[in-house]
């Protein structure tokens, strides 16, 4: 449905009354397919909701899979963005296992960028 709406001109960054975007909804639903559709249509990966959260903040709070982090980062998500409480996504990760996995993703991407 999202793909059809986007193909007919729907705003990929349209927010609801809580200023949550379709990407915020995809994150909450753990919906990798919707996330891919939105990313392919140029969604703003750093748009904030009413709590000041970017999709990466949601990825942290919801302990989402590292692949979701990777996709957001590959599309320009800001790992240093602070929420209203002044915390970055990495600071919000609830457990050490996920923190280590995300750190590996970040290190791998940094290495690829340096190698060109």
Protein backbone atom coordinates (compact mmCIF):
# COMPACT_ATOMS: atom_id res chain seq x y z
CA UNK A 1 0.00 0.00 0.00
CA UNK A 2 2.78 2.44 0.92
CA UNK A 3 4.54 1.82 -2.37
CA UNK A 4 1.33 2.54 -4.29
CA UNK A 5 0.71 5.76 -2.37
CA UNK A 6 4.28 6.93 -2.89
CA UNK A 7 4.14 6.13 -6.59
CA UNK A 8 1.08 8.38 -6.81
CA UNK A 9 2.69 11.35 -5.12
CA UNK A 10 2.21 10.81 -1.38
CA UNK A 11 4.66 12.73 0.79
CA UNK A 12 7.20 10.24 2.12
CA UNK A 13 7.92 12.58 5.05
CA UNK A 14 4.32 13.42 5.96
CA UNK A 15 3.88 13.40 9.73
CA UNK A 16 0.80 12.64 11.79
CA UNK A 17 -0.39 14.80 14.69
CA UNK A 18 2.33 13.32 16.90
CA UNK A 19 4.85 14.33 14.19
CA UNK A 20 5.68 10.68 13.63
CA UNK A 21 6.59 9.95 10.02
CA UNK A 22 5.99 6.76 8.06
CA UNK A 23 9.59 5.82 8.88
CA UNK A 24 8.94 6.20 12.61
CA UNK A 25 5.94 3.89 12.17
CA UNK A 26 8.02 1.36 10.24
CA UNK A 27 10.55 1.34 13.06
CA UNK A 28 7.89 0.77 15.71
CA UNK A 29 6.44 -2.09 13.67
CA UNK A 30 9.86 -3.67 12.97
CA UNK A 31 8.82 -3.45 9.31
CA UNK A 32 11.95 -3.88 7.22
CA UNK A 33 10.00 -4.05 3.95
CA UNK A 34 8.25 -0.72 4.57
CA UNK A 35 11.55 0.77 5.69
CA UNK A 36 13.14 -0.25 2.38
CA UNK A 37 10.26 1.27 0.39
CA UNK A 38 10.53 4.55 2.29
CA UNK A 39 14.31 4.69 1.94
CA UNK A 40 14.03 4.05 -1.80
CA UNK A 41 11.68 7.05 -2.03
CA UNK A 42 14.08 9.39 -0.25
CA UNK A 43 12.60 9.57 3.24
CA UNK A 44 14.35 11.97 5.64
CA UNK A 45 16.15 9.60 8.01
CA UNK A 46 16.81 12.40 10.49
CA UNK A 47 13.29 13.80 10.83
CA UNK A 48 12.25 14.05 14.46
CA UNK A 49 8.97 13.19 16.15
CA UNK A 50 7.38 15.24 18.93
CA UNK A 51 9.77 13.71 21.47
CA UNK A 52 12.78 14.84 19.48
CA UNK A 53 13.55 11.27 18.42
CA UNK A 54 15.00 10.42 15.05
CA UNK A 55 14.39 6.94 13.65
CA UNK A 56 17.80 5.94 15.11
CA UNK A 57 16.61 6.92 18.58
CA UNK A 58 13.64 4.63 18.05
CA UNK A 59 15.93 1.87 16.83
CA UNK A 60 17.82 2.17 20.10
CA UNK A 61 14.80 2.32 22.40
CA UNK A 62 13.13 -0.60 20.65
CA UNK A 63 16.35 -2.65 20.44
CA UNK A 64 15.92 -3.05 16.69
CA UNK A 65 18.05 -5.33 14.58
CA UNK A 66 21.50 -4.12 13.50
CA UNK A 67 20.43 -4.39 9.84
CA UNK A 68 17.89 -1.63 10.47
CA UNK A 69 20.62 0.54 11.98
CA UNK A 70 22.84 -0.18 8.98
CA UNK A 71 20.16 0.81 6.48
CA UNK A 72 19.48 4.08 8.30
CA UNK A 73 23.18 4.89 8.55
CA UNK A 74 23.74 4.06 4.87
CA UNK A 75 21.08 6.65 4.06
CA UNK A 76 22.66 9.39 6.15
CA UNK A 77 21.17 8.95 9.62
CA UNK A 78 23.01 11.04 12.20
CA UNK A 79 24.48 8.83 14.92
CA UNK A 80 25.36 11.92 16.97
CA UNK A 81 21.84 13.43 17.00
CA UNK A 82 20.64 14.14 20.51
CA UNK A 83 17.06 13.69 21.69
CA UNK A 84 15.35 16.19 23.98
CA UNK A 85 17.17 14.64 26.92
CA UNK A 86 20.54 15.14 25.25
CA UNK A 87 21.11 11.45 24.51
CA UNK A 88 22.41 9.99 21.28
CA UNK A 89 21.03 6.75 19.83
CA UNK A 90 24.06 4.76 21.02
CA UNK A 91 23.49 5.97 24.58
CA UNK A 92 19.91 4.70 24.49
CA UNK A 93 20.65 1.11 23.49
CA UNK A 94 19.22 -1.02 26.32
CA UNK A 95 21.72 -3.88 26.35
CA UNK A 96 25.38 -4.58 25.77
CA UNK A 97 24.84 -7.30 23.17
CA UNK A 98 22.98 -4.97 20.82
CA UNK A 99 25.40 -2.13 21.60
CA UNK A 100 28.31 -4.35 20.52
CA UNK A 101 26.49 -5.43 17.34
CA UNK A 102 25.67 -1.85 16.37
CA UNK A 103 29.24 -0.78 17.15
CA UNK A 104 30.42 -3.48 14.71
CA UNK A 105 28.08 -2.13 12.02
CA UNK A 106 29.38 1.40 12.57
CA UNK A 107 33.02 0.24 12.53
CA UNK A 108 32.47 -1.74 9.33
CA UNK A 109 30.84 1.22 7.61
CA UNK A 110 33.59 3.57 8.77
CA UNK A 111 36.22 1.19 7.44
CA UNK A 112 34.47 0.99 4.05
CA UNK A 113 34.28 4.79 3.85
CA UNK A 114 38.00 5.13 4.58
CA UNK A 115 38.86 2.54 1.95
CA UNK A 116 36.84 4.52 -0.57
